[in-house]
Amino acid sequence: MYTSRIVGMGKYVPENVVTNDDLSNIMETNDAWIQERTGIKERRHIKKGDGNSTAVMGVKAAKIALERAEISKDEVDLIVFATLSPDYYFPGCGVQVQEMLDIHTCPALDVRNQCSGFIYGLSVADQFIKTGMYKNVLVIGSENHSGGLDFTTRGRSVSVIFGDGAGAAVLTRSEKEGHGILSTHLHSEGKHAMELSLKGPSTEYWVPEIIADNPQEDIPYYPYMNGQFVFKNAVVRFAEVIMEGLKTNKLEVADIDMLVPHQANLRISQFIQKKFQLADDQVYNNIQRYGNTTAASIPIALCEAWEEGKVKEGDTVVLAAFGSGFTWGSAIIRW
């Protein structure tokens, strides 16, 4: 049976830096308030006219990943694109990437699992490779949040958290036992779906109906998050799914060389780090610089950790995410 391994990583974030002080100029907030609750100091936002979109950023990250993997675009057998902020309702970003990269009729699959999207996408790619159906799979997580956030005081509890960016990974077939992606673990609990959601525009809330039927103070096309409820569920599910992955592979917490959690909130990451008694050099966080980039957060963070030499060959790397749906998952990797 084949295994799959990551052979190339890439990331892209817009040049436009938005600090907490910048946000304080357009809403009632301040740097201390944001850092205390989220750990975020700044984030990147697409700037009008800079040529970026969810798909375009994904392509930029993918080109770097492919170059580092030393795999040509024509060797890509499948594209898996994870996002909650596609350029269009349809077509999906996956086929846009396929066209922009000029890949001839390769299949493209879009994954809509929000903060867990990259891990879900990684799991899909892993299964296709393990079964022998595909050899090389390009997995992308990319988000353009800034175009759909409420940058008023009313929306500050959500809008200060999110940033834009993209990360990509190239997976390839390997016959080296005990290396690569050892296992992935996926879960969902739909009864809490509306606790972190965006109800419109949708087939329930089309744009003309929103404008006609909703007063300005009750617009349903901005994200809603029950922050405390999400936090309480996140810390439980993070811990559970990490332990599930370790136990499956007969590993202990002490075997973790690097934990790369979804960058949802620095306080969540710190809670998990303390619970597992991990040292600072065993957990990688970059939410301070980029905010929460949802499906892009893990590939951006993993890419940076690798670039900085904090992920090395033979290391046991754990990825874990929790988000809207609720959905959560983990991946155990022998680098």
C-alpha atoms as a PDB file:
ATOM      1  CA  MET A   1       0.000   0.000   0.000  1.00  0.00           C
ATOM      2  CA  TYR A   2       1.258   3.426  -0.915  1.00  0.00           C
ATOM      3  CA  THR A   3       1.758   6.301   1.501  1.00  0.00           C
ATOM      4  CA  SER A   4       1.587  10.003   0.726  1.00  0.00           C
ATOM      5  CA  ARG A   5       4.086  12.632   1.768  1.00  0.00           C
ATOM      6  CA  ILE A   6       4.314  16.400   1.492  1.00  0.00           C
ATOM      7  CA  VAL A   7       7.173  17.321  -0.843  1.00  0.00           C
ATOM      8  CA  GLY A   8       6.517  21.029  -1.359  1.00  0.00           C
ATOM      9  CA  MET A   9       4.943  23.893   0.569  1.00  0.00           C
ATOM     10  CA  GLY A  10       4.114  27.447  -0.476  1.00  0.00           C
ATOM     11  CA  LYS A  11       2.298  30.457   0.946  1.00  0.00           C
ATOM     12  CA  TYR A  12       1.108  33.863  -0.139  1.00  0.00           C
ATOM     13  CA  VAL A  13      -0.272  36.796   1.862  1.00  0.00           C
ATOM     14  CA  PRO A  14      -1.237  40.210   0.496  1.00  0.00           C
ATOM     15  CA  GLU A  15       1.226  43.053   0.993  1.00  0.00           C
ATOM     16  CA  ASN A  16      -1.400  45.260   2.662  1.00  0.00           C
ATOM     17  CA  VAL A  17      -0.837  45.097   6.453  1.00  0.00           C
ATOM     18  CA  VAL A  18      -3.782  46.110   8.657  1.00  0.00           C
ATOM     19  CA  THR A  19      -2.829  46.716  12.276  1.00  0.00           C
ATOM     20  CA  ASN A  20      -5.079  46.844  15.311  1.00  0.00           C
ATOM     21  CA  ASP A  21      -4.527  50.596  15.407  1.00  0.00           C
ATOM     22  CA  ASP A  22      -5.753  50.817  11.810  1.00  0.00           C
ATOM     23  CA  LEU A  23      -8.990  49.100  12.840  1.00  0.00           C
ATOM     24  CA  SER A  24      -9.380  51.414  15.820  1.00  0.00           C
ATOM     25  CA  ASN A  25      -9.692  54.281  13.335  1.00  0.00           C
ATOM     26  CA  ILE A  26     -12.850  52.812  11.800  1.00  0.00           C
ATOM     27  CA  MET A  27     -14.536  51.088  14.764  1.00  0.00           C
ATOM     28  CA  GLU A  28     -14.629  51.288  18.546  1.00  0.00           C
ATOM     29  CA  THR A  29     -11.750  49.024  19.479  1.00  0.00           C
ATOM     30  CA  ASN A  30      -8.098  49.231  20.427  1.00  0.00           C
ATOM     31  CA  ASP A  31      -4.878  47.252  20.227  1.00  0.00           C
ATOM     32  CA  ALA A  32      -4.966  46.104  23.861  1.00  0.00           C
ATOM     33  CA  TRP A  33      -8.584  44.868  23.589  1.00  0.00           C
ATOM     34  CA  ILE A  34      -7.844  42.816  20.452  1.00  0.00           C
ATOM     35  CA  GLN A  35      -4.568  41.347  21.701  1.00  0.00           C
ATOM     36  CA  GLU A  36      -6.046  40.382  25.063  1.00  0.00           C
ATOM     37  CA  ARG A  37      -8.896  38.422  23.473  1.00  0.00           C
ATOM     38  CA  THR A  38      -7.234  36.994  20.367  1.00  0.00           C
ATOM     39  CA  GLY A  39      -3.461  37.500  20.471  1.00  0.00           C
ATOM     40  CA  ILE A  40      -3.639  39.203  17.058  1.00  0.00           C
ATOM     41  CA  LYS A  41      -1.477  42.250  16.347  1.00  0.00           C
ATOM     42  CA  GLU A  42      -2.027  42.601  12.595  1.00  0.00           C
ATOM     43  CA  ARG A  43      -3.439  40.833   9.582  1.00  0.00           C
ATOM     44  CA  ARG A  44      -3.232  41.073   5.776  1.00  0.00           C
ATOM     45  CA  HIS A  45      -6.122  42.286   3.639  1.00  0.00           C
ATOM     46  CA  ILE A  46      -6.541  42.291  -0.104  1.00  0.00           C
ATOM     47  CA  LYS A  47      -6.421  45.864  -1.372  1.00  0.00           C
ATOM     48  CA  LYS A  48      -8.693  46.945  -4.192  1.00  0.00           C
ATOM     49  CA  GLY A  49      -6.761  46.887  -7.433  1.00  0.00           C
ATOM     50  CA  ASP A  50      -3.936  44.619  -6.247  1.00  0.00           C
ATOM     51  CA  GLY A  51      -5.117  41.818  -8.547  1.00  0.00           C
ATOM     52  CA  ASN A  52      -5.736  39.319  -5.758  1.00  0.00           C
ATOM     53  CA  SER A  53      -8.687  37.020  -5.176  1.00  0.00           C
ATOM     54  CA  THR A  54      -9.149  33.718  -3.387  1.00  0.00           C
ATOM     55  CA  ALA A  55      -8.198  31.753  -6.515  1.00  0.00           C
ATOM     56  CA  VAL A  56      -5.347  34.078  -7.509  1.00  0.00           C
ATOM     57  CA  MET A  57      -3.740  33.848  -4.061  1.00  0.00           C
ATOM     58  CA  GLY A  58      -4.134  30.072  -4.206  1.00  0.00           C
ATOM     59  CA  VAL A  59      -2.292  30.006  -7.530  1.00  0.00           C
ATOM     60  CA  LYS A  60       0.549  32.129  -6.139  1.00  0.00           C
ATOM     61  CA  ALA A  61       1.000  29.745  -3.191  1.00  0.00           C
ATOM     62  CA  ALA A  62       0.672  26.703  -5.468  1.00  0.00           C
ATOM     63  CA  LYS A  63       3.411  27.861  -7.852  1.00  0.00           C
ATOM     64  CA  ILE A  64       5.858  28.125  -4.944  1.00  0.00           C
ATOM     65  CA  ALA A  65       4.849  24.688  -3.630  1.00  0.00           C
ATOM     66  CA  LEU A  66       5.236  23.066  -7.052  1.00  0.00           C
ATOM     67  CA  GLU A  67       8.649  24.646  -7.609  1.00  0.00           C
ATOM     68  CA  ARG A  68       9.877  23.449  -4.218  1.00  0.00           C
ATOM     69  CA  ALA A  69       8.460  19.975  -4.871  1.00  0.00           C
ATOM     70  CA  GLU A  70      10.253  19.909  -8.239  1.00  0.00           C
ATOM     71  CA  ILE A  71       7.012  18.727  -9.789  1.00  0.00           C
ATOM     72  CA  SER A  72       5.771  20.342 -12.988  1.00  0.00           C
ATOM     73  CA  LYS A  73       2.192  21.509 -13.406  1.00  0.00           C
ATOM     74  CA  ASP A  74       1.659  18.753 -15.977  1.00  0.00           C
ATOM     75  CA  GLU A  75       2.413  16.113 -13.340  1.00  0.00           C
ATOM     76  CA  VAL A  76      -0.468  17.244 -11.097  1.00  0.00           C
ATOM     77  CA  ASP A  77      -3.173  14.576 -11.101  1.00  0.00           C
ATOM     78  CA  LEU A  78      -5.730  16.312  -8.852  1.00  0.00           C
ATOM     79  CA  ILE A  79      -6.365  19.746  -7.330  1.00  0.00           C
ATOM     80  CA  VAL A  80      -8.154  19.984  -3.975  1.00  0.00           C
ATOM     81  CA  PHE A  81      -9.117  23.549  -3.061  1.00  0.00           C
ATOM     82  CA  ALA A  82     -10.385  24.399   0.432  1.00  0.00           C
ATOM     83  CA  THR A  83     -12.121  27.726   1.074  1.00  0.00           C
ATOM     84  CA  LEU A  84     -15.198  29.348   2.607  1.00  0.00           C
ATOM     85  CA  SER A  85     -14.751  32.462   0.440  1.00  0.00           C
ATOM     86  CA  PRO A  86     -14.733  31.337  -3.209  1.00  0.00           C
ATOM     87  CA  ASP A  87     -14.558  33.930  -5.967  1.00  0.00           C
ATOM     88  CA  TYR A  88     -17.996  32.821  -7.187  1.00  0.00           C
ATOM     89  CA  TYR A  89     -20.915  30.667  -6.076  1.00  0.00           C
ATOM     90  CA  PHE A  90     -19.926  28.622  -9.110  1.00  0.00           C
ATOM     91  CA  PRO A  91     -17.662  27.599 -10.692  1.00  0.00           C
ATOM     92  CA  GLY A  92     -15.406  26.632  -7.801  1.00  0.00           C
ATOM     93  CA  CYS A  93     -11.893  27.897  -7.220  1.00  0.00           C
ATOM     94  CA  GLY A  94     -10.376  24.515  -8.055  1.00  0.00           C
ATOM     95  CA  VAL A  95     -11.137  24.821 -11.765  1.00  0.00           C
ATOM     96  CA  GLN A  96      -9.968  28.442 -11.745  1.00  0.00           C
ATOM     97  CA  VAL A  97      -6.610  27.251 -10.417  1.00  0.00           C
ATOM     98  CA  GLN A  98      -6.501  24.493 -13.029  1.00  0.00           C
ATOM     99  CA  GLU A  99      -7.047  27.069 -15.774  1.00  0.00           C
ATOM    100  CA  MET A 100      -4.615  29.648 -14.345  1.00  0.00           C
ATOM    101  CA  LEU A 101      -1.888  27.023 -14.016  1.00  0.00           C
ATOM    102  CA  ASP A 102      -2.693  25.767 -17.539  1.00  0.00           C
ATOM    103  CA  ILE A 103      -3.096  22.163 -16.418  1.00  0.00           C
ATOM    104  CA  HIS A 104      -4.764  20.041 -19.106  1.00  0.00           C
ATOM    105  CA  THR A 105      -8.147  18.600 -17.928  1.00  0.00           C
ATOM    106  CA  CYS A 106      -6.913  17.552 -14.481  1.00  0.00           C
ATOM    107  CA  PRO A 107      -9.804  17.020 -12.023  1.00  0.00           C
ATOM    108  CA  ALA A 108     -10.450  19.735  -9.449  1.00  0.00           C
ATOM    109  CA  LEU A 109     -12.348  19.309  -6.210  1.00  0.00           C
ATOM    110  CA  ASP A 110     -13.566  22.068  -3.894  1.00  0.00           C
ATOM    111  CA  VAL A 111     -13.825  21.452  -0.136  1.00  0.00           C
ATOM    112  CA  ARG A 112     -16.156  23.585   1.998  1.00  0.00           C
ATOM    113  CA  ASN A 113     -15.193  22.749   5.565  1.00  0.00           C
ATOM    114  CA  GLN A 114     -14.107  26.202   6.638  1.00  0.00           C
ATOM    115  CA  CYS A 115     -11.438  26.190   9.377  1.00  0.00           C
ATOM    116  CA  SER A 116     -11.010  22.420   9.030  1.00  0.00           C
ATOM    117  CA  GLY A 117     -10.897  22.661   5.244  1.00  0.00           C
ATOM    118  CA  PHE A 118      -7.193  22.089   4.734  1.00  0.00           C
ATOM    119  CA  ILE A 119      -7.120  18.991   6.939  1.00  0.00           C
ATOM    120  CA  TYR A 120     -10.209  17.630   5.164  1.00  0.00           C
ATOM    121  CA  GLY A 121      -8.498  18.358   1.842  1.00  0.00           C
ATOM    122  CA  LEU A 122      -5.283  16.723   3.016  1.00  0.00           C
ATOM    123  CA  SER A 123      -7.244  13.630   4.027  1.00  0.00           C
ATOM    124  CA  VAL A 124      -8.941  13.452   0.612  1.00  0.00           C
ATOM    125  CA  ALA A 125      -5.583  13.749  -1.144  1.00  0.00           C
ATOM    126  CA  ASP A 126      -4.044  11.140   1.145  1.00  0.00           C
ATOM    127  CA  GLN A 127      -6.771   8.611   0.359  1.00  0.00           C
ATOM    128  CA  PHE A 128      -6.547   9.121  -3.404  1.00  0.00           C
ATOM    129  CA  ILE A 129      -2.786   8.579  -3.263  1.00  0.00           C
ATOM    130  CA  LYS A 130      -2.940   5.577  -0.923  1.00  0.00           C
ATOM    131  CA  THR A 131      -5.405   3.778  -3.182  1.00  0.00           C
ATOM    132  CA  GLY A 132      -3.109   4.322  -6.158  1.00  0.00           C
ATOM    133  CA  MET A 133      -5.605   6.388  -8.133  1.00  0.00           C
ATOM    134  CA  TYR A 134      -3.397   9.501  -8.239  1.00  0.00           C
ATOM    135  CA  LYS A 135       0.309  10.104  -7.750  1.00  0.00           C
ATOM    136  CA  ASN A 136       0.592  13.868  -7.258  1.00  0.00           C
ATOM    137  CA  VAL A 137      -2.093  15.996  -5.593  1.00  0.00           C
ATOM    138  CA  LEU A 138      -2.060  19.765  -5.086  1.00  0.00           C
ATOM    139  CA  VAL A 139      -3.923  20.851  -1.941  1.00  0.00           C
ATOM    140  CA  ILE A 140      -4.693  24.553  -1.466  1.00  0.00           C
ATOM    141  CA  GLY A 141      -6.299  26.546   1.338  1.00  0.00           C
ATOM    142  CA  SER A 142      -7.093  30.167   0.473  1.00  0.00           C
ATOM    143  CA  GLU A 143      -9.352  32.860   1.908  1.00  0.00           C
ATOM    144  CA  ASN A 144     -10.496  36.385   1.101  1.00  0.00           C
ATOM    145  CA  HIS A 145     -12.296  37.358   4.292  1.00  0.00           C
ATOM    146  CA  SER A 146     -11.833  41.114   4.172  1.00  0.00           C
ATOM    147  CA  GLY A 147     -14.360  41.642   1.380  1.00  0.00           C
ATOM    148  CA  GLY A 148     -17.209  40.263   3.489  1.00  0.00           C
ATOM    149  CA  LEU A 149     -16.659  41.583   7.015  1.00  0.00           C
ATOM    150  CA  ASP A 150     -18.602  44.202   8.943  1.00  0.00           C
ATOM    151  CA  PHE A 151     -16.013  46.888   9.689  1.00  0.00           C
ATOM    152  CA  THR A 152     -18.223  48.795  12.108  1.00  0.00           C
ATOM    153  CA  THR A 153     -18.400  48.645  15.872  1.00  0.00           C
ATOM    154  CA  ARG A 154     -21.343  46.278  15.514  1.00  0.00           C
ATOM    155  CA  GLY A 155     -19.163  43.678  13.794  1.00  0.00           C
ATOM    156  CA  ARG A 156     -15.904  44.170  15.661  1.00  0.00           C
ATOM    157  CA  SER A 157     -15.991  40.903  17.662  1.00  0.00           C
ATOM    158  CA  VAL A 158     -15.699  38.973  14.394  1.00  0.00           C
ATOM    159  CA  SER A 159     -14.042  41.391  11.977  1.00  0.00           C
ATOM    160  CA  VAL A 160     -10.894  42.004  14.026  1.00  0.00           C
ATOM    161  CA  ILE A 161     -10.085  38.276  13.895  1.00  0.00           C
ATOM    162  CA  PHE A 162      -9.892  37.441  10.197  1.00  0.00           C
ATOM    163  CA  GLY A 163      -7.250  37.983   7.538  1.00  0.00           C
ATOM    164  CA  ASP A 164      -6.580  37.025   3.911  1.00  0.00           C
ATOM    165  CA  GLY A 165      -3.990  34.636   2.508  1.00  0.00           C
ATOM    166  CA  ALA A 166      -3.248  31.269   0.941  1.00  0.00           C
ATOM    167  CA  GLY A 167      -1.161  28.179   1.568  1.00  0.00           C
ATOM    168  CA  ALA A 168      -0.501  25.131  -0.589  1.00  0.00           C
ATOM    169  CA  ALA A 169       1.016  21.679  -0.301  1.00  0.00           C
ATOM    170  CA  VAL A 170       2.065  19.145  -2.928  1.00  0.00           C
ATOM    171  CA  LEU A 171       1.553  15.515  -1.921  1.00  0.00           C
ATOM    172  CA  THR A 172       3.156  12.667  -3.792  1.00  0.00           C
ATOM    173  CA  ARG A 173       3.185   8.887  -3.700  1.00  0.00           C
ATOM    174  CA  SER A 174       5.777   7.139  -1.566  1.00  0.00           C
ATOM    175  CA  GLU A 175       6.578   3.525  -0.769  1.00  0.00           C
ATOM    176  CA  LYS A 176       8.610   4.382   2.336  1.00  0.00           C
ATOM    177  CA  GLU A 177       6.755   2.803   5.228  1.00  0.00           C
ATOM    178  CA  GLY A 178       6.335   4.803   8.416  1.00  0.00           C
ATOM    179  CA  HIS A 179       6.838   8.178   6.741  1.00  0.00           C
ATOM    180  CA  GLY A 180       4.551  10.796   5.277  1.00  0.00           C
ATOM    181  CA  ILE A 181       0.946  11.137   6.405  1.00  0.00           C
ATOM    182  CA  LEU A 182       0.445   8.385   8.966  1.00  0.00           C
ATOM    183  CA  SER A 183      -3.267   9.032   9.526  1.00  0.00           C
ATOM    184  CA  THR A 184      -6.015  11.646   9.365  1.00  0.00           C
ATOM    185  CA  HIS A 185      -9.065  11.931  11.620  1.00  0.00           C
ATOM    186  CA  LEU A 186     -12.219  13.858  10.698  1.00  0.00           C
ATOM    187  CA  HIS A 187     -15.384  14.705  12.657  1.00  0.00           C
ATOM    188  CA  SER A 188     -18.437  16.945  12.537  1.00  0.00           C
ATOM    189  CA  GLU A 189     -21.366  17.926  14.754  1.00  0.00           C
ATOM    190  CA  GLY A 190     -23.986  19.680  12.673  1.00  0.00           C
ATOM    191  CA  LYS A 191     -26.331  20.504  15.544  1.00  0.00           C
ATOM    192  CA  HIS A 192     -24.074  23.481  16.330  1.00  0.00           C
ATOM    193  CA  ALA A 193     -23.820  24.675  12.730  1.00  0.00           C
ATOM    194  CA  MET A 194     -25.483  28.046  13.297  1.00  0.00           C
ATOM    195  CA  GLU A 195     -23.163  28.996  16.179  1.00  0.00           C
ATOM    196  CA  LEU A 196     -20.545  29.991  13.607  1.00  0.00           C
ATOM    197  CA  SER A 197     -22.194  30.766  10.316  1.00  0.00           C
ATOM    198  CA  LEU A 198     -22.881  33.065   7.393  1.00  0.00           C
ATOM    199  CA  LYS A 199     -26.539  32.779   6.404  1.00  0.00           C
ATOM    200  CA  GLY A 200     -26.581  34.953   3.327  1.00  0.00           C
ATOM    201  CA  PRO A 201     -26.416  35.592   0.507  1.00  0.00           C
ATOM    202  CA  SER A 202     -27.657  32.044  -0.023  1.00  0.00           C
ATOM    203  CA  THR A 203     -30.569  30.193  -1.515  1.00  0.00           C
ATOM    204  CA  GLU A 204     -32.429  31.167   1.666  1.00  0.00           C
ATOM    205  CA  TYR A 205     -31.295  34.797   1.677  1.00  0.00           C
ATOM    206  CA  TRP A 206     -30.812  36.037  -1.885  1.00  0.00           C
ATOM    207  CA  VAL A 207     -29.411  39.549  -2.145  1.00  0.00           C
ATOM    208  CA  PRO A 208     -32.647  41.244  -3.352  1.00  0.00           C
ATOM    209  CA  GLU A 209     -34.569  39.670  -0.453  1.00  0.00           C
ATOM    210  CA  ILE A 210     -31.957  40.809   2.045  1.00  0.00           C
ATOM    211  CA  ILE A 211     -32.195  44.393   0.840  1.00  0.00           C
ATOM    212  CA  ALA A 212     -35.997  44.369   0.796  1.00  0.00           C
ATOM    213  CA  ASP A 213     -36.768  42.459   3.992  1.00  0.00           C
ATOM    214  CA  ASN A 214     -34.032  43.323   6.485  1.00  0.00           C
ATOM    215  CA  PRO A 215     -33.328  46.562   8.282  1.00  0.00           C
ATOM    216  CA  GLN A 216     -29.719  47.754   8.206  1.00  0.00           C
ATOM    217  CA  GLU A 217     -29.063  46.600  11.775  1.00  0.00           C
ATOM    218  CA  ASP A 218     -30.058  42.996  11.010  1.00  0.00           C
ATOM    219  CA  ILE A 219     -28.122  42.125   7.862  1.00  0.00           C
ATOM    220  CA  PRO A 220     -27.619  38.322   7.696  1.00  0.00           C
ATOM    221  CA  TYR A 221     -24.799  38.398   5.144  1.00  0.00           C
ATOM    222  CA  TYR A 222     -22.138  39.177   7.750  1.00  0.00           C
ATOM    223  CA  PRO A 223     -20.589  36.286   9.718  1.00  0.00           C
ATOM    224  CA  TYR A 224     -22.083  35.363  13.082  1.00  0.00           C
ATOM    225  CA  MET A 225     -20.045  33.734  15.842  1.00  0.00           C
ATOM    226  CA  ASN A 226     -21.065  32.705  19.334  1.00  0.00           C
ATOM    227  CA  GLY A 227     -17.524  33.248  20.545  1.00  0.00           C
ATOM    228  CA  GLN A 228     -17.637  31.743  24.033  1.00  0.00           C
ATOM    229  CA  PHE A 229     -19.535  28.655  22.858  1.00  0.00           C
ATOM    230  CA  VAL A 230     -17.118  28.121  19.984  1.00  0.00           C
ATOM    231  CA  PHE A 231     -14.122  28.503  22.324  1.00  0.00           C
ATOM    232  CA  LYS A 232     -15.484  25.964  24.839  1.00  0.00           C
ATOM    233  CA  ASN A 233     -16.128  23.390  22.121  1.00  0.00           C
ATOM    234  CA  ALA A 234     -12.843  24.065  20.339  1.00  0.00           C
ATOM    235  CA  VAL A 235     -10.573  23.337  23.292  1.00  0.00           C
ATOM    236  CA  VAL A 236     -12.350  20.026  23.936  1.00  0.00           C
ATOM    237  CA  ARG A 237     -12.367  18.856  20.316  1.00  0.00           C
ATOM    238  CA  PHE A 238      -8.770  19.950  19.683  1.00  0.00           C
ATOM    239  CA  ALA A 239      -7.561  17.822  22.575  1.00  0.00           C
ATOM    240  CA  GLU A 240      -9.725  14.828  21.612  1.00  0.00           C
ATOM    241  CA  VAL A 241      -8.711  14.692  17.965  1.00  0.00           C
ATOM    242  CA  ILE A 242      -5.018  15.162  18.718  1.00  0.00           C
ATOM    243  CA  MET A 243      -5.119  12.268  21.181  1.00  0.00           C
ATOM    244  CA  GLU A 244      -7.099  10.165  18.690  1.00  0.00           C
ATOM    245  CA  GLY A 245      -4.337  10.593  16.139  1.00  0.00           C
ATOM    246  CA  LEU A 246      -1.551   9.859  18.594  1.00  0.00           C
ATOM    247  CA  LYS A 247      -3.228   6.712  19.922  1.00  0.00           C
ATOM    248  CA  THR A 248      -3.913   5.417  16.411  1.00  0.00           C
ATOM    249  CA  ASN A 249      -0.186   5.561  15.713  1.00  0.00           C
ATOM    250  CA  LYS A 250       0.888   4.340  19.182  1.00  0.00           C
ATOM    251  CA  LEU A 251       2.464   7.702  19.962  1.00  0.00           C
ATOM    252  CA  GLU A 252       2.574   9.793  23.123  1.00  0.00           C
ATOM    253  CA  VAL A 253       2.304  13.551  23.579  1.00  0.00           C
ATOM    254  CA  ALA A 254       6.049  13.507  24.277  1.00  0.00           C
ATOM    255  CA  ASP A 255       6.606  12.254  20.705  1.00  0.00           C
ATOM    256  CA  ILE A 256       5.257  15.473  19.183  1.00  0.00           C
ATOM    257  CA  ASP A 257       8.054  17.484  17.614  1.00  0.00           C
ATOM    258  CA  MET A 258       5.762  20.165  16.215  1.00  0.00           C
ATOM    259  CA  LEU A 259       2.065  20.909  16.688  1.00  0.00           C
ATOM    260  CA  VAL A 260       0.607  23.236  14.074  1.00  0.00           C
ATOM    261  CA  PRO A 261      -2.915  24.156  15.186  1.00  0.00           C
ATOM    262  CA  HIS A 262      -5.444  26.072  13.143  1.00  0.00           C
ATOM    263  CA  GLN A 263      -4.825  29.722  13.928  1.00  0.00           C
ATOM    264  CA  ALA A 264      -8.285  30.542  15.265  1.00  0.00           C
ATOM    265  CA  ASN A 265      -7.351  32.352  18.449  1.00  0.00           C
ATOM    266  CA  LEU A 266      -4.015  32.431  20.249  1.00  0.00           C
ATOM    267  CA  ARG A 267      -5.812  31.741  23.534  1.00  0.00           C
ATOM    268  CA  ILE A 268      -7.080  28.401  22.183  1.00  0.00           C
ATOM    269  CA  SER A 269      -3.575  27.393  21.090  1.00  0.00           C
ATOM    270  CA  GLN A 270      -2.155  28.408  24.467  1.00  0.00           C
ATOM    271  CA  PHE A 271      -4.846  26.409  26.271  1.00  0.00           C
ATOM    272  CA  ILE A 272      -3.965  23.267  24.282  1.00  0.00           C
ATOM    273  CA  GLN A 273      -0.243  23.847  24.747  1.00  0.00           C
ATOM    274  CA  LYS A 274      -0.695  24.104  28.501  1.00  0.00           C
ATOM    275  CA  LYS A 275      -3.000  21.071  28.642  1.00  0.00           C
ATOM    276  CA  PHE A 276      -0.434  18.903  26.821  1.00  0.00           C
ATOM    277  CA  GLN A 277       2.512  20.540  28.621  1.00  0.00           C
ATOM    278  CA  LEU A 278       4.248  21.347  25.351  1.00  0.00           C
ATOM    279  CA  ALA A 279       7.202  23.713  25.193  1.00  0.00           C
ATOM    280  CA  ASP A 280       7.077  26.878  23.082  1.00  0.00           C
ATOM    281  CA  ASP A 281       9.295  25.275  20.439  1.00  0.00           C
ATOM    282  CA  GLN A 282       6.806  22.406  20.042  1.00  0.00           C
ATOM    283  CA  VAL A 283       3.901  24.633  18.945  1.00  0.00           C
ATOM    284  CA  TYR A 284       3.890  26.971  15.956  1.00  0.00           C
ATOM    285  CA  ASN A 285       1.708  30.099  16.035  1.00  0.00           C
ATOM    286  CA  ASN A 286       1.617  32.977  13.575  1.00  0.00           C
ATOM    287  CA  ILE A 287      -1.869  34.345  14.229  1.00  0.00           C
ATOM    288  CA  GLN A 288      -0.172  37.422  15.706  1.00  0.00           C
ATOM    289  CA  ARG A 289       0.870  38.449  12.159  1.00  0.00           C
ATOM    290  CA  TYR A 290      -1.929  37.131   9.968  1.00  0.00           C
ATOM    291  CA  GLY A 291      -5.077  36.733  12.053  1.00  0.00           C
ATOM    292  CA  ASN A 292      -7.355  33.790  11.355  1.00  0.00           C
ATOM    293  CA  THR A 293      -7.072  32.840   7.683  1.00  0.00           C
ATOM    294  CA  THR A 294      -9.446  29.866   8.065  1.00  0.00           C
ATOM    295  CA  ALA A 295      -8.602  27.138   5.506  1.00  0.00           C
ATOM    296  CA  ALA A 296      -5.292  28.878   4.745  1.00  0.00           C
ATOM    297  CA  SER A 297      -4.077  29.079   8.331  1.00  0.00           C
ATOM    298  CA  ILE A 298      -2.569  25.597   8.715  1.00  0.00           C
ATOM    299  CA  PRO A 299      -0.760  25.512   5.338  1.00  0.00           C
ATOM    300  CA  ILE A 300       0.611  29.037   5.886  1.00  0.00           C
ATOM    301  CA  ALA A 301       1.814  28.136   9.390  1.00  0.00           C
ATOM    302  CA  LEU A 302       3.205  24.747   8.326  1.00  0.00           C
ATOM    303  CA  CYS A 303       5.026  26.371   5.421  1.00  0.00           C
ATOM    304  CA  GLU A 304       6.581  28.989   7.698  1.00  0.00           C
ATOM    305  CA  ALA A 305       7.578  26.414  10.300  1.00  0.00           C
ATOM    306  CA  TRP A 306       9.328  24.406   7.572  1.00  0.00           C
ATOM    307  CA  GLU A 307      10.979  27.523   6.100  1.00  0.00           C
ATOM    308  CA  GLU A 308      12.323  28.441   9.538  1.00  0.00           C
ATOM    309  CA  GLY A 309      13.825  24.981  10.044  1.00  0.00           C
ATOM    310  CA  LYS A 310      11.393  24.109  12.833  1.00  0.00           C
ATOM    311  CA  VAL A 311      10.062  21.100  10.905  1.00  0.00           C
ATOM    312  CA  LYS A 312      12.777  18.661   9.859  1.00  0.00           C
ATOM    313  CA  GLU A 313      12.991  15.249   8.247  1.00  0.00           C
ATOM    314  CA  GLY A 314      11.927  12.526  10.666  1.00  0.00           C
ATOM    315  CA  ASP A 315       9.938  14.891  12.889  1.00  0.00           C
ATOM    316  CA  THR A 316       6.483  13.921  14.124  1.00  0.00           C
ATOM    317  CA  VAL A 317       4.215  16.772  13.071  1.00  0.00           C
ATOM    318  CA  VAL A 318       0.613  17.091  14.272  1.00  0.00           C
ATOM    319  CA  LEU A 319      -1.957  19.278  12.508  1.00  0.00           C
ATOM    320  CA  ALA A 320      -5.282  20.016  14.206  1.00  0.00           C
ATOM    321  CA  ALA A 321      -8.251  22.235  13.400  1.00  0.00           C
ATOM    322  CA  PHE A 322     -11.728  23.103  14.637  1.00  0.00           C
ATOM    323  CA  GLY A 323     -14.299  25.398  13.086  1.00  0.00           C
ATOM    324  CA  SER A 324     -17.698  26.091  11.601  1.00  0.00           C
ATOM    325  CA  GLY A 325     -19.980  23.141  11.129  1.00  0.00           C
ATOM    326  CA  PHE A 326     -18.876  22.250  13.732  1.00  0.00           C
ATOM    327  CA  THR A 327     -16.103  20.305  12.005  1.00  0.00           C
ATOM    328  CA  TRP A 328     -12.714  19.270  13.340  1.00  0.00           C
ATOM    329  CA  GLY A 329      -9.830  17.035  12.417  1.00  0.00           C
ATOM    330  CA  SER A 330      -6.186  16.110  12.827  1.00  0.00           C
ATOM    331  CA  ALA A 331      -3.337  14.735  10.760  1.00  0.00           C
ATOM    332  CA  ILE A 332      -0.303  12.884  12.071  1.00  0.00           C
ATOM    333  CA  ILE A 333       2.740  13.225   9.814  1.00  0.00           C
ATOM    334  CA  ARG A 334       6.239  11.753   9.924  1.00  0.00           C
ATOM    335  CA  TRP A 335       8.088  14.443   8.003  1.00  0.00           C
END
